[in-house]
Amino acid sequence: MKNLILFFAFVTITSCAQTDTGKNYIDQIKEYRYNMNKTLSDKKTTPFNDGDFKAFRKLDFFPIDTTYRVKASFKKDESPRLFEMPTTTDRKPLYSTFGTAVFTLNGKEVTLHIYQCKDKNSPAFYDVLFIPFTDSTSGNESYGGGRYIEPDYPEEGKIVIDFNKSYNPYCVYNTKYSCPIPPKENRLPIAIKAGIKNYETSGY
């Protein structure tokens, strides 16, 4: 099994402005999703094997909901901790703790831990912020192994976390990929009904 880059790097495909939650924002999320499907539908960029590539039609998403674009309070980790993040294979990429985001969603105060890639074997993602998480939809409407978000850097003690931009790890589409397993501290006790849903391959 190859140890391949795990991220679905949609941030390099399209960038959604984080300042507008009106019509323009909705259109940008639609374009973001279009590009996800375009990536999987292109043989040059798809993670699918040949059989699943032929069977692929489109991804499924929760309805776009601006409630799930949250501006959280951010606290930077003053003593970052380097660690090897477990994955679905024996690969253990190097990450560091970066900080915590605290916000209220669905009537509950939620904390998410944010990490930073420090793995020089993945230069495209070095220093990229990374939030792997699970929630109460995991294993049902969304992938049981969790979803990922790559937020922009915080500003003035605030960070925007847009769950409408959550995406699946590539191991959802092909088991040859090596995908980080969300730490226990990022297991959310609420349902995040935003972003991408689970995808079942055809078993080719």
Protein backbone atom coordinates (compact mmCIF):
# COMPACT_ATOMS: atom_id res chain seq x y z
CA MET A 1 0.00 0.00 0.00
CA LYS A 2 1.40 3.34 -1.00
CA ASN A 3 1.73 6.16 1.48
CA LEU A 4 0.12 8.89 -0.58
CA ILE A 5 -0.83 12.46 0.17
CA LEU A 6 -4.03 12.32 2.13
CA PHE A 7 -5.64 15.69 1.81
CA PHE A 8 -8.36 16.54 -0.67
CA ALA A 9 -6.67 19.83 -1.47
CA PHE A 10 -9.65 21.85 -2.52
CA VAL A 11 -8.02 25.01 -1.20
CA THR A 12 -5.77 24.90 -4.26
CA ILE A 13 -8.74 24.42 -6.58
CA THR A 14 -10.98 27.24 -5.44
CA SER A 15 -11.12 29.78 -2.63
CA CYS A 16 -14.38 30.77 -0.94
CA ALA A 17 -14.52 34.24 0.56
CA GLN A 18 -15.14 34.02 4.27
CA THR A 19 -16.71 37.45 4.71
CA ASP A 20 -20.03 37.12 2.91
CA THR A 21 -22.81 34.81 4.06
CA GLY A 22 -25.34 36.11 1.55
CA LYS A 23 -26.01 35.13 -2.06
CA ASN A 24 -22.39 35.54 -3.09
CA TYR A 25 -21.34 33.08 -0.41
CA ILE A 26 -23.95 30.53 -1.51
CA ASP A 27 -22.73 30.80 -5.11
CA GLN A 28 -19.14 30.31 -4.01
CA ILE A 29 -19.98 27.17 -2.04
CA LYS A 30 -21.83 25.84 -5.09
CA GLU A 31 -18.73 26.48 -7.18
CA TYR A 32 -16.57 24.82 -4.53
CA ARG A 33 -18.74 21.71 -4.72
CA TYR A 34 -18.71 21.78 -8.51
CA ASN A 35 -14.91 21.70 -8.39
CA MET A 36 -14.96 18.75 -5.99
CA ASN A 37 -17.03 16.78 -8.47
CA LYS A 38 -14.86 17.97 -11.33
CA THR A 39 -11.72 16.71 -9.58
CA LEU A 40 -13.22 13.26 -9.04
CA SER A 41 -14.55 13.16 -12.60
CA ASP A 42 -11.17 13.89 -14.22
CA LYS A 43 -8.99 10.85 -14.78
CA LYS A 44 -5.87 12.97 -14.22
CA THR A 45 -6.92 14.00 -10.71
CA THR A 46 -9.38 11.38 -9.50
CA PRO A 47 -8.48 9.17 -6.51
CA PHE A 48 -10.78 6.41 -7.79
CA ASN A 49 -9.55 3.17 -9.25
CA ASP A 50 -10.71 2.40 -12.79
CA GLY A 51 -13.91 0.60 -11.81
CA ASP A 52 -15.11 3.17 -9.31
CA PHE A 53 -14.11 6.00 -11.65
CA LYS A 54 -16.44 4.62 -14.31
CA ALA A 55 -19.27 4.27 -11.77
CA PHE A 56 -18.87 7.75 -10.27
CA ARG A 57 -21.65 10.27 -10.95
CA LYS A 58 -21.50 12.96 -8.26
CA LEU A 59 -20.94 13.58 -4.57
CA ASP A 60 -23.75 14.14 -2.10
CA PHE A 61 -23.86 17.15 0.23
CA PHE A 62 -25.91 18.52 3.06
CA PRO A 63 -27.88 21.68 2.11
CA ILE A 64 -25.79 24.84 2.26
CA ASP A 65 -26.47 26.43 5.63
CA THR A 66 -24.78 29.66 6.71
CA THR A 67 -25.37 28.65 10.35
CA TYR A 68 -22.44 26.28 9.93
CA ARG A 69 -20.04 29.00 8.95
CA VAL A 70 -18.94 30.06 12.41
CA LYS A 71 -16.61 32.76 13.66
CA ALA A 72 -14.96 31.20 16.68
CA SER A 73 -12.81 32.59 19.45
CA PHE A 74 -9.25 31.45 18.89
CA LYS A 75 -6.51 30.78 21.42
CA LYS A 76 -3.05 30.03 20.08
CA ASP A 77 -1.02 27.26 21.65
CA GLU A 78 1.95 29.08 23.19
CA SER A 79 3.88 25.82 23.57
CA PRO A 80 3.13 23.83 20.39
CA ARG A 81 3.53 20.07 20.74
CA LEU A 82 4.97 18.04 17.88
CA PHE A 83 3.42 14.62 17.45
CA GLU A 84 2.90 11.84 14.93
CA MET A 85 -0.72 11.70 13.86
CA PRO A 86 -2.16 8.17 13.50
CA THR A 87 -3.56 7.30 10.09
CA THR A 88 -5.47 4.48 8.47
CA THR A 89 -2.11 2.92 7.54
CA ASP A 90 1.20 2.64 9.37
CA ARG A 91 2.21 6.09 8.13
CA LYS A 92 2.45 8.73 10.86
CA PRO A 93 2.87 12.25 9.47
CA LEU A 94 4.30 14.95 11.70
CA TYR A 95 1.95 17.61 13.03
CA SER A 96 2.03 20.22 15.75
CA THR A 97 -0.71 21.63 17.91
CA PHE A 98 -1.65 25.14 16.78
CA GLY A 99 -4.52 26.31 18.95
CA THR A 100 -8.16 25.90 19.92
CA ALA A 101 -11.38 27.35 18.56
CA VAL A 102 -14.42 27.81 20.81
CA PHE A 103 -17.89 28.59 19.51
CA THR A 104 -21.57 27.90 20.14
CA LEU A 105 -23.48 25.78 17.63
CA ASN A 106 -26.91 24.17 17.93
CA GLY A 107 -27.16 25.54 21.46
CA LYS A 108 -23.93 23.93 22.67
CA GLU A 109 -20.48 25.36 23.30
CA VAL A 110 -18.00 23.46 21.18
CA THR A 111 -14.21 23.29 21.20
CA LEU A 112 -12.16 22.20 18.22
CA HIS A 113 -8.41 21.64 18.23
CA ILE A 114 -6.47 22.93 15.26
CA TYR A 115 -3.26 21.35 14.02
CA GLN A 116 -0.52 22.39 11.63
CA CYS A 117 1.21 20.11 9.16
CA LYS A 118 4.96 19.83 9.82
CA ASP A 119 5.61 16.87 7.56
CA LYS A 120 8.29 17.84 5.03
CA ASN A 121 7.35 14.78 2.99
CA SER A 122 4.13 16.67 2.14
CA PRO A 123 5.51 20.07 1.00
CA ALA A 124 2.20 21.18 -0.52
CA PHE A 125 0.63 21.08 2.93
CA TYR A 126 3.51 22.23 5.11
CA ASP A 127 2.21 24.75 7.69
CA VAL A 128 -1.37 24.31 6.42
CA LEU A 129 -3.94 24.43 9.24
CA PHE A 130 -5.89 21.22 9.64
CA ILE A 131 -9.05 20.29 11.55
CA PRO A 132 -9.99 16.60 11.43
CA PHE A 133 -13.25 15.92 13.26
CA THR A 134 -16.10 13.51 13.82
CA ASP A 135 -19.63 14.32 14.94
CA SER A 136 -22.90 12.50 15.56
CA THR A 137 -23.52 12.11 11.82
CA SER A 138 -20.26 10.13 11.45
CA GLY A 139 -20.95 6.57 10.41
CA ASN A 140 -24.47 7.47 9.27
CA GLU A 141 -24.96 10.43 6.97
CA SER A 142 -21.25 11.24 6.86
CA TYR A 143 -18.13 9.10 6.70
CA GLY A 144 -17.47 7.16 9.90
CA GLY A 145 -13.78 8.05 9.88
CA GLY A 146 -14.54 11.75 10.06
CA ARG A 147 -14.18 14.77 7.82
CA TYR A 148 -11.58 17.50 7.36
CA ILE A 149 -11.47 21.29 7.21
CA GLU A 150 -8.53 23.51 6.29
CA PRO A 151 -9.33 26.96 7.72
CA ASP A 152 -7.59 30.21 6.96
CA TYR A 153 -5.22 31.56 9.58
CA PRO A 154 -6.89 33.38 12.50
CA GLU A 155 -7.03 37.14 12.80
CA GLU A 156 -7.33 39.19 15.99
CA GLY A 157 -8.28 36.25 18.17
CA LYS A 158 -10.95 34.98 15.77
CA ILE A 159 -11.00 32.14 13.26
CA VAL A 160 -13.65 31.22 10.69
CA ILE A 161 -14.58 27.55 10.55
CA ASP A 162 -16.77 26.76 7.58
CA PHE A 163 -18.36 23.32 7.91
CA ASN A 164 -19.93 23.83 4.48
CA LYS A 165 -16.39 23.29 3.19
CA SER A 166 -15.76 20.05 5.08
CA TYR A 167 -14.50 17.27 2.84
CA ASN A 168 -13.86 13.55 2.93
CA PRO A 169 -10.40 12.01 3.18
CA TYR A 170 -9.33 10.27 -0.02
CA CYS A 171 -9.46 6.85 1.64
CA VAL A 172 -13.26 7.14 1.34
CA TYR A 173 -12.78 6.81 -2.41
CA ASN A 174 -9.81 4.45 -2.51
CA THR A 175 -8.28 2.39 0.30
CA LYS A 176 -4.75 2.83 -1.05
CA TYR A 177 -4.68 6.28 0.54
CA SER A 178 -3.40 7.01 4.03
CA CYS A 179 -5.76 9.25 6.01
CA PRO A 180 -5.36 10.89 9.44
CA ILE A 181 -7.69 9.65 12.14
CA PRO A 182 -9.37 12.52 14.02
CA PRO A 183 -8.07 12.70 17.62
CA LYS A 184 -10.52 12.00 20.44
CA GLU A 185 -10.43 15.66 21.44
CA ASN A 186 -12.13 16.53 18.13
CA ARG A 187 -15.09 14.19 18.52
CA LEU A 188 -17.98 16.63 18.56
CA PRO A 189 -21.13 15.81 20.61
CA ILE A 190 -23.40 17.47 18.04
CA ALA A 191 -24.58 16.80 14.50
CA ILE A 192 -22.77 18.78 11.83
CA LYS A 193 -25.33 18.67 9.03
CA ALA A 194 -23.18 20.65 6.63
CA GLY A 195 -20.59 19.91 4.00
CA ILE A 196 -20.02 16.58 2.35
CA LYS A 197 -21.89 13.36 3.05
CA ASN A 198 -20.59 9.81 2.95
CA TYR A 199 -19.79 8.13 -0.34
CA GLU A 200 -20.08 4.41 -1.03
CA THR A 201 -17.82 3.00 -3.70
CA SER A 202 -19.16 0.33 -6.00
CA GLY A 203 -16.69 -2.27 -4.76
CA TYR A 204 -14.82 -2.67 -8.04
